[in-house]
Protein backbone atom coordinates (compact mmCIF):
# COMPACT_ATOMS: atom_id res chain seq x y z
CA MET A 1 0.00 0.00 0.00
CA SER A 2 2.97 2.32 0.47
CA GLU A 3 3.79 2.32 -3.24
CA ALA A 4 1.53 5.31 -3.91
CA VAL A 5 3.30 7.35 -1.24
CA ASP A 6 6.70 6.26 -2.57
CA LYS A 7 5.76 7.31 -6.09
CA ALA A 8 4.32 10.67 -5.05
CA PHE A 9 7.39 11.74 -3.06
CA ALA A 10 9.86 10.30 -5.59
CA ALA A 11 8.17 12.03 -8.52
CA ALA A 12 8.07 15.38 -6.72
CA VAL A 13 11.81 15.21 -6.04
CA ARG A 14 12.72 13.81 -9.46
CA GLU A 15 10.75 16.57 -11.21
CA LYS A 16 12.33 19.18 -8.90
CA ARG A 17 8.98 20.25 -7.51
CA VAL A 18 10.46 19.92 -4.01
CA PRO A 19 14.04 19.76 -2.65
CA GLY A 20 15.35 16.69 -0.88
CA ILE A 21 12.84 15.51 1.68
CA ALA A 22 12.58 12.93 4.46
CA THR A 23 9.47 11.55 6.13
CA VAL A 24 8.46 9.09 8.82
CA ALA A 25 5.30 7.79 10.46
CA LEU A 26 5.40 5.80 13.69
CA ASN A 27 3.11 3.87 15.98
CA ARG A 28 3.03 4.64 19.69
CA ASP A 29 5.48 1.83 20.45
CA GLY A 30 8.01 3.30 18.02
CA SER A 31 7.44 0.73 15.29
CA VAL A 32 7.67 2.16 11.78
CA ILE A 33 4.54 2.58 9.68
CA TYR A 34 6.43 4.34 6.89
CA LYS A 35 9.89 5.83 6.49
CA ASN A 36 11.80 7.04 3.47
CA SER A 37 13.86 9.91 2.07
CA TRP A 38 14.62 11.25 -1.40
CA GLY A 39 16.93 13.70 -3.10
CA THR A 40 20.01 15.57 -1.98
CA VAL A 41 20.72 18.49 0.33
CA ASN A 42 21.11 20.77 -2.72
CA ILE A 43 18.40 20.44 -5.36
CA ASN A 44 20.76 21.85 -7.99
CA ASP A 45 23.64 19.49 -7.24
CA PRO A 46 22.82 15.79 -7.64
CA THR A 47 26.31 14.95 -6.34
CA SER A 48 25.67 16.63 -2.97
CA ALA A 49 24.95 14.52 0.10
CA PRO A 50 21.70 12.56 0.11
CA VAL A 51 18.92 13.64 2.44
CA THR A 52 18.38 11.03 5.16
CA SER A 53 16.51 10.75 8.43
CA THR A 54 19.63 12.01 10.19
CA THR A 55 20.19 15.10 8.01
CA LYS A 56 20.32 18.23 10.19
CA MET A 57 17.84 20.91 9.17
CA GLU A 58 16.68 24.24 10.59
CA ILE A 59 13.40 23.48 12.34
CA ALA A 60 12.37 27.09 13.07
CA SER A 61 9.02 27.16 14.92
CA MET A 62 9.17 23.45 15.68
CA LEU A 63 11.52 24.55 18.45
CA LYS A 64 8.51 26.03 20.25
CA ALA A 65 7.26 22.66 21.49
CA PHE A 66 10.66 21.99 23.10
CA ILE A 67 10.47 25.29 24.99
CA SER A 68 6.88 24.64 26.01
CA VAL A 69 7.82 21.24 27.45
CA ALA A 70 10.72 22.83 29.33
CA ALA A 71 8.35 25.35 30.89
CA LEU A 72 5.81 22.63 31.72
CA GLN A 73 8.52 20.71 33.56
CA LEU A 74 8.98 23.72 35.82
CA LEU A 75 5.21 24.04 36.21
CA GLU A 76 5.14 20.44 37.45
CA GLN A 77 7.70 21.40 40.07
CA GLY A 78 5.52 24.26 41.29
CA LYS A 79 8.03 26.89 40.19
CA PHE A 80 5.30 29.16 38.77
CA SER A 81 1.59 29.41 38.17
CA LEU A 82 -0.07 29.82 34.78
CA ASP A 83 -1.81 32.93 36.12
CA ASP A 84 1.47 34.56 37.15
CA LEU A 85 2.16 37.82 35.33
CA VAL A 86 4.97 37.81 32.79
CA GLU A 87 6.43 40.93 34.40
CA GLU A 88 7.14 38.96 37.59
CA TYR A 89 9.84 37.06 35.66
CA ILE A 90 10.70 39.57 32.93
CA PRO A 91 10.75 42.98 34.69
CA SER A 92 10.85 44.97 31.44
CA TRP A 93 7.25 43.88 30.80
CA THR A 94 6.20 46.20 33.63
CA ASN A 95 6.56 49.08 31.19
CA ILE A 96 5.89 47.30 27.90
CA SER A 97 3.82 49.24 25.34
CA VAL A 98 1.18 48.40 22.76
CA LEU A 99 1.73 49.68 19.22
CA ASP A 100 -1.48 51.33 17.99
CA GLY A 101 -0.19 52.51 14.63
CA PHE A 102 1.64 55.60 13.44
CA THR A 103 1.08 59.33 13.28
CA PRO A 104 0.87 61.13 9.91
CA ASP A 105 4.52 62.05 10.51
CA GLY A 106 5.51 58.40 10.81
CA GLU A 107 6.00 58.31 14.56
CA PRO A 108 4.79 55.18 16.39
CA ILE A 109 1.70 55.53 18.57
CA LEU A 110 2.46 53.72 21.81
CA ARG A 111 0.31 53.25 24.91
CA PRO A 112 0.25 51.06 28.02
CA PRO A 113 -1.59 47.74 27.64
CA LYS A 114 -5.13 47.58 29.03
CA THR A 115 -4.40 44.22 30.68
CA LYS A 116 -1.34 42.48 32.08
CA ALA A 117 -0.01 39.42 30.23
CA THR A 118 0.10 36.05 31.99
CA ILE A 119 2.33 33.05 31.45
CA LEU A 120 -0.66 31.06 30.18
CA GLN A 121 -1.07 33.69 27.45
CA LEU A 122 2.55 33.15 26.41
CA PHE A 123 1.80 29.44 26.02
CA THR A 124 -1.29 30.13 23.87
CA HIS A 125 0.11 33.06 21.83
CA THR A 126 -2.47 35.45 23.23
CA ALA A 127 -0.05 37.70 25.16
CA GLY A 128 0.37 40.20 22.32
CA PRO A 129 3.90 39.83 20.85
CA GLY A 130 4.13 39.45 17.07
CA TYR A 131 6.62 38.88 14.27
CA TRP A 132 7.82 41.58 11.92
CA PHE A 133 7.12 39.35 8.92
CA THR A 134 3.47 38.81 9.88
CA SER A 135 2.62 42.23 11.35
CA GLU A 136 2.79 45.25 9.06
CA ASN A 137 2.83 47.62 12.04
CA LEU A 138 5.66 45.77 13.75
CA ASN A 139 7.62 45.62 10.51
CA ARG A 140 7.26 49.38 10.18
CA PHE A 141 8.22 49.89 13.83
CA GLU A 142 11.41 47.86 13.45
CA ARG A 143 12.34 49.85 10.36
CA TRP A 144 11.65 53.06 12.29
CA ALA A 145 13.77 51.80 15.23
CA GLY A 146 16.51 50.44 12.97
CA THR A 147 16.22 46.90 14.35
CA LEU A 148 14.72 45.03 11.36
CA PRO A 149 14.79 42.07 11.12
CA GLN A 150 14.48 41.08 14.78
CA VAL A 151 13.40 37.46 15.26
CA ALA A 152 14.53 36.90 18.83
CA PRO A 153 13.14 39.46 21.31
CA ASP A 154 15.28 41.39 23.76
CA PRO A 155 13.95 40.67 27.28
CA VAL A 156 15.64 43.82 28.60
CA ASP A 157 14.23 46.15 25.94
CA PRO A 158 11.21 44.38 24.43
CA GLU A 159 9.42 45.52 21.32
CA PRO A 160 5.89 46.82 21.72
CA LEU A 161 3.00 44.37 21.67
CA ILE A 162 0.77 44.39 18.61
CA ALA A 163 -2.40 44.04 20.70
CA ASP A 164 -3.57 43.98 24.29
CA PRO A 165 -2.94 40.67 26.08
CA GLY A 166 -5.90 38.33 25.99
CA THR A 167 -7.60 39.92 22.99
CA GLY A 168 -6.59 37.52 20.22
CA TRP A 169 -4.19 34.92 18.87
CA PHE A 170 -1.03 36.58 17.53
CA TYR A 171 1.72 34.25 16.39
CA GLY A 172 5.05 35.72 17.32
CA THR A 173 7.73 35.74 19.98
CA SER A 174 5.58 34.69 22.96
CA ASN A 175 7.37 31.36 23.11
CA ASP A 176 10.76 33.09 23.10
CA TYR A 177 9.72 35.02 26.19
CA LEU A 178 8.61 31.72 27.71
CA GLY A 179 12.16 30.54 27.11
CA HIS A 180 13.48 33.55 29.01
CA ILE A 181 11.21 32.64 31.92
CA VAL A 182 12.70 29.13 31.87
CA GLU A 183 16.13 30.75 32.16
CA THR A 184 15.03 33.04 35.01
CA ILE A 185 13.49 30.24 37.05
CA SER A 186 16.12 27.56 36.38
CA GLY A 187 19.12 29.87 36.67
CA VAL A 188 20.77 28.40 33.56
CA SER A 189 20.69 29.27 29.88
CA LEU A 190 17.89 27.87 27.75
CA THR A 191 20.46 25.85 25.80
CA THR A 192 21.80 24.28 28.98
CA TYR A 193 18.33 23.56 30.32
CA LEU A 194 17.12 21.90 27.11
CA ASN A 195 20.32 19.86 26.88
CA GLN A 196 20.04 18.61 30.45
CA HIS A 197 16.32 17.93 30.66
CA ILE A 198 15.14 17.11 27.12
CA PHE A 199 17.86 16.66 24.48
CA THR A 200 20.37 14.47 26.29
CA PRO A 201 17.72 12.22 27.91
CA LEU A 202 16.16 11.65 24.49
CA GLY A 203 19.47 11.16 22.66
CA ILE A 204 19.16 14.41 20.71
CA GLN A 205 22.48 15.93 19.69
CA LYS A 206 23.28 19.08 21.60
CA PRO A 207 22.80 22.21 19.47
CA THR A 208 25.97 24.02 18.53
CA VAL A 209 26.86 26.81 16.15
CA ILE A 210 27.40 24.63 13.10
CA PRO A 211 26.11 24.96 9.57
CA THR A 212 22.98 23.02 8.78
CA GLU A 213 23.63 20.25 6.29
CA MET A 214 20.58 21.20 4.25
CA HIS A 215 20.80 24.02 1.71
CA ALA A 216 18.26 26.83 1.85
CA HIS A 217 15.75 26.55 -0.98
CA ARG A 218 13.16 28.99 -2.30
CA ARG A 219 10.39 28.50 -4.80
CA LEU A 220 10.29 31.36 -7.30
CA PRO A 221 7.04 32.75 -8.78
CA ASN A 222 7.59 30.65 -11.92
CA GLY A 223 7.68 27.47 -9.82
CA THR A 224 11.39 26.74 -10.12
CA ILE A 225 13.46 26.27 -6.97
CA THR A 226 16.75 27.99 -6.19
CA SER A 227 19.28 26.96 -3.55
CA GLN A 228 21.80 28.74 -1.35
CA PRO A 229 24.58 27.34 0.85
CA PRO A 230 23.56 26.50 4.40
CA ASN A 231 23.73 29.08 7.17
CA ALA A 232 25.99 28.86 10.20
CA THR A 233 23.33 30.39 12.44
CA ASN A 234 22.08 28.19 15.26
CA ILE A 235 21.40 30.31 18.30
CA LEU A 236 18.68 29.53 20.82
CA PRO A 237 15.97 30.51 21.42
CA SER A 238 15.28 31.33 17.79
CA TYR A 239 17.22 28.71 15.87
CA LEU A 240 17.82 25.02 16.28
CA LEU A 241 19.04 22.25 14.05
CA SER A 242 17.43 18.85 14.33
CA SER A 243 16.91 15.74 12.26
CA LEU A 244 13.80 13.74 11.44
CA ASP A 245 14.87 10.93 13.79
CA GLU A 246 15.59 13.30 16.67
CA TYR A 247 12.29 15.15 16.45
CA ALA A 248 10.42 11.85 16.13
CA ALA A 249 12.03 10.74 19.42
CA PHE A 250 10.62 13.84 21.09
CA LEU A 251 7.12 13.26 19.70
CA LEU A 252 7.27 9.60 20.74
CA ALA A 253 7.74 10.69 24.33
CA LEU A 254 4.70 12.96 24.12
CA ILE A 255 2.47 10.34 22.48
CA ASN A 256 3.42 7.93 25.29
CA HIS A 257 2.18 10.31 27.97
CA GLY A 258 5.61 11.79 28.59
CA THR A 259 7.84 8.69 28.59
CA HIS A 260 9.79 7.44 25.58
CA PRO A 261 8.68 3.87 24.79
CA THR A 262 12.12 2.32 24.33
CA LEU A 263 14.48 4.65 26.18
CA GLY A 264 12.27 4.81 29.25
CA THR A 265 13.07 8.51 29.58
CA THR A 266 10.34 10.64 31.16
CA ILE A 267 10.16 14.30 30.18
CA LEU A 268 6.64 15.05 31.48
CA GLN A 269 4.13 13.41 33.78
CA PRO A 270 1.03 11.83 32.18
CA SER A 271 -1.34 14.35 33.77
CA THR A 272 0.68 17.24 32.32
CA VAL A 273 0.62 15.70 28.85
CA LYS A 274 -3.13 15.14 29.08
CA ASN A 275 -4.13 18.49 30.61
CA TYR A 276 -1.70 20.85 28.90
CA VAL A 277 -0.09 19.30 25.82
CA PHE A 278 -3.17 17.71 24.26
CA THR A 279 -5.92 19.90 25.73
CA ASP A 280 -7.22 23.05 24.05
CA LEU A 281 -6.35 25.99 26.33
CA PHE A 282 -7.47 28.65 23.88
CA PRO A 283 -10.07 31.03 25.38
CA LEU A 284 -13.57 30.35 24.05
CA SER A 285 -14.19 34.10 23.88
CA LEU A 286 -11.54 34.56 21.18
CA THR A 287 -11.51 33.77 17.48
CA SER A 288 -9.66 30.57 16.55
CA PRO A 289 -5.97 30.89 15.69
CA GLU A 290 -5.41 32.42 12.26
CA PRO A 291 -5.23 31.27 9.50
CA TYR A 292 -7.50 28.61 10.98
CA THR A 293 -11.16 29.35 11.62
CA GLY A 294 -14.03 27.79 13.51
CA PRO A 295 -14.35 25.94 16.80
CA THR A 296 -12.65 22.80 15.44
CA ILE A 297 -9.16 24.28 15.97
CA GLY A 298 -7.56 25.37 19.21
CA TRP A 299 -4.19 25.74 20.89
CA SER A 300 -2.64 23.82 23.75
CA ALA A 301 0.43 24.69 25.77
CA ALA A 302 2.54 23.18 22.98
CA PHE A 303 0.86 23.33 19.57
CA LEU A 304 -2.31 23.51 17.51
CA VAL A 305 -4.95 20.95 18.49
CA ASN A 306 -7.92 19.50 16.62
CA ASN A 307 -11.17 19.66 18.55
CA GLN A 308 -12.88 17.10 16.34
CA ASP A 309 -11.89 14.13 14.22
CA VAL A 310 -10.57 14.77 10.71
CA LYS A 311 -12.22 12.20 8.47
CA GLY A 312 -9.73 9.62 7.27
CA ARG A 313 -6.94 11.31 9.20
CA ARG A 314 -6.03 12.39 12.72
CA SER A 315 -8.29 12.04 15.77
CA LYS A 316 -9.88 14.65 17.97
CA GLY A 317 -7.30 16.02 20.38
CA SER A 318 -4.34 15.53 18.02
CA GLY A 319 -1.54 18.07 18.01
CA ALA A 320 0.25 19.49 14.99
CA TRP A 321 2.52 22.29 13.88
CA GLY A 322 5.46 23.00 11.61
CA GLY A 323 8.39 25.22 10.77
CA ILE A 324 8.57 28.05 8.25
CA TYR A 325 10.87 25.99 6.00
CA ASN A 326 7.99 23.59 5.26
CA LEU A 327 8.62 21.04 7.98
CA TYR A 328 5.40 19.59 9.41
CA TYR A 329 4.22 17.08 11.99
CA TRP A 330 1.13 15.68 13.58
CA VAL A 331 0.90 13.60 16.76
CA ASP A 332 -2.30 11.67 17.52
CA LEU A 333 -2.55 10.71 21.19
CA GLU A 334 -5.80 8.76 20.81
CA ALA A 335 -4.82 6.67 17.77
CA GLY A 336 -1.17 6.37 18.83
CA LYS A 337 0.26 7.58 15.51
CA LEU A 338 2.56 10.39 14.49
CA GLY A 339 4.08 11.64 11.27
CA LEU A 340 6.69 14.16 10.12
CA VAL A 341 8.00 15.67 6.92
CA PHE A 342 11.41 17.39 6.90
CA THR A 343 12.73 19.61 4.10
CA ASN A 344 13.98 23.17 3.60
CA LEU A 345 11.91 25.35 1.28
CA LEU A 346 10.44 28.83 1.34
CA PRO A 347 7.87 30.28 1.30
CA PHE A 348 5.85 28.62 4.04
CA LEU A 349 2.72 26.53 3.35
CA ASP A 350 4.11 25.27 0.06
CA PRO A 351 1.23 23.48 -1.71
CA VAL A 352 3.41 20.65 -3.06
CA VAL A 353 4.88 19.82 0.35
CA LEU A 354 1.48 20.09 2.02
CA ASP A 355 0.01 17.73 -0.56
CA LEU A 356 2.75 15.17 0.13
CA PHE A 357 2.23 15.56 3.88
CA GLY A 358 -1.47 14.92 3.35
CA LYS A 359 -0.78 11.81 1.30
CA LEU A 360 1.42 10.47 4.09
CA GLU A 361 -1.31 11.02 6.68
CA GLU A 362 -4.01 9.45 4.50
CA PHE A 363 -1.80 6.40 3.99
CA VAL A 364 -1.14 6.03 7.72
CA TYR A 365 -4.80 5.99 8.65
CA GLY A 366 -5.78 4.00 5.58
CA CYS A 367 -3.63 1.14 6.85
CA ASP A 368 -6.26 0.49 9.53
CA GLU A 369 -9.15 0.14 7.09
């Protein structure tokens, strides 16, 4: 039955509709449902290294789940409360501003927030921080301040919020601030904390400032794909290199209620996984996370969650997210299945990669029919 998936991925790589790509789907016990990889790290050089399940790639926003789990570990220890104010751990938030636009002269209009942000709002991306590449006002502010592009926030001198805390879902640097709170509470750097409490226990290689093995690819308006040499940037909390196998090990721990099925490593308690990782914490009074609409989508402390079954695919309560370079995953706690696709291609939400990801998921759940 896997031949159709094989052919779809192989054809997409052979016809240069996607760069090299790796994918895996696993059962809860770690047994393989499907695993394969195609192509090379540079789409324009067939002699470059082949993409495999161990190829290091920039995972971008897929780092957020790691940081969320780190924070949840400290929550388990009673180190903070979800209702605690952010400013209790990041003092600069005492005087943080909200950006309301600009004057006719181009000066930013700043005001105090109407409400104080909580740690729970950082988890659910409702605290108000944004990204310059998704917020026109923030982009303009960074150009005005001379700080563009700023991906990682400065906890000492934070950028203004793009909305009042608790008024909507705004994807941005909330998780980065959560990482700073981990540092404040633990007394060590985020890198050190993740290494000690998540990466090393799960056998994930410690992040270092090394070039990713995967070239950076971009789809042009005419559909062709260009490539550039890999970057040497790998600085937490905004950047992390990981491989398909390593990230799958992390998801396996989550789908087993916090304990890896073969390593025996526990990164979270079962009650935390149930109540925070796979439970929708998004306020009912707010609109569902953009670009998703309707009550069927929510947000947990770690990622997007489905609030109803997806026919022929993942179950109600499943988690999912991705990285801007068109890496995607889903993790289905009820059915005990997970899947990932790893590549490096901009812009985000590439229709070809999403179609392949969908074919993988349909195959995984079709195996049970």
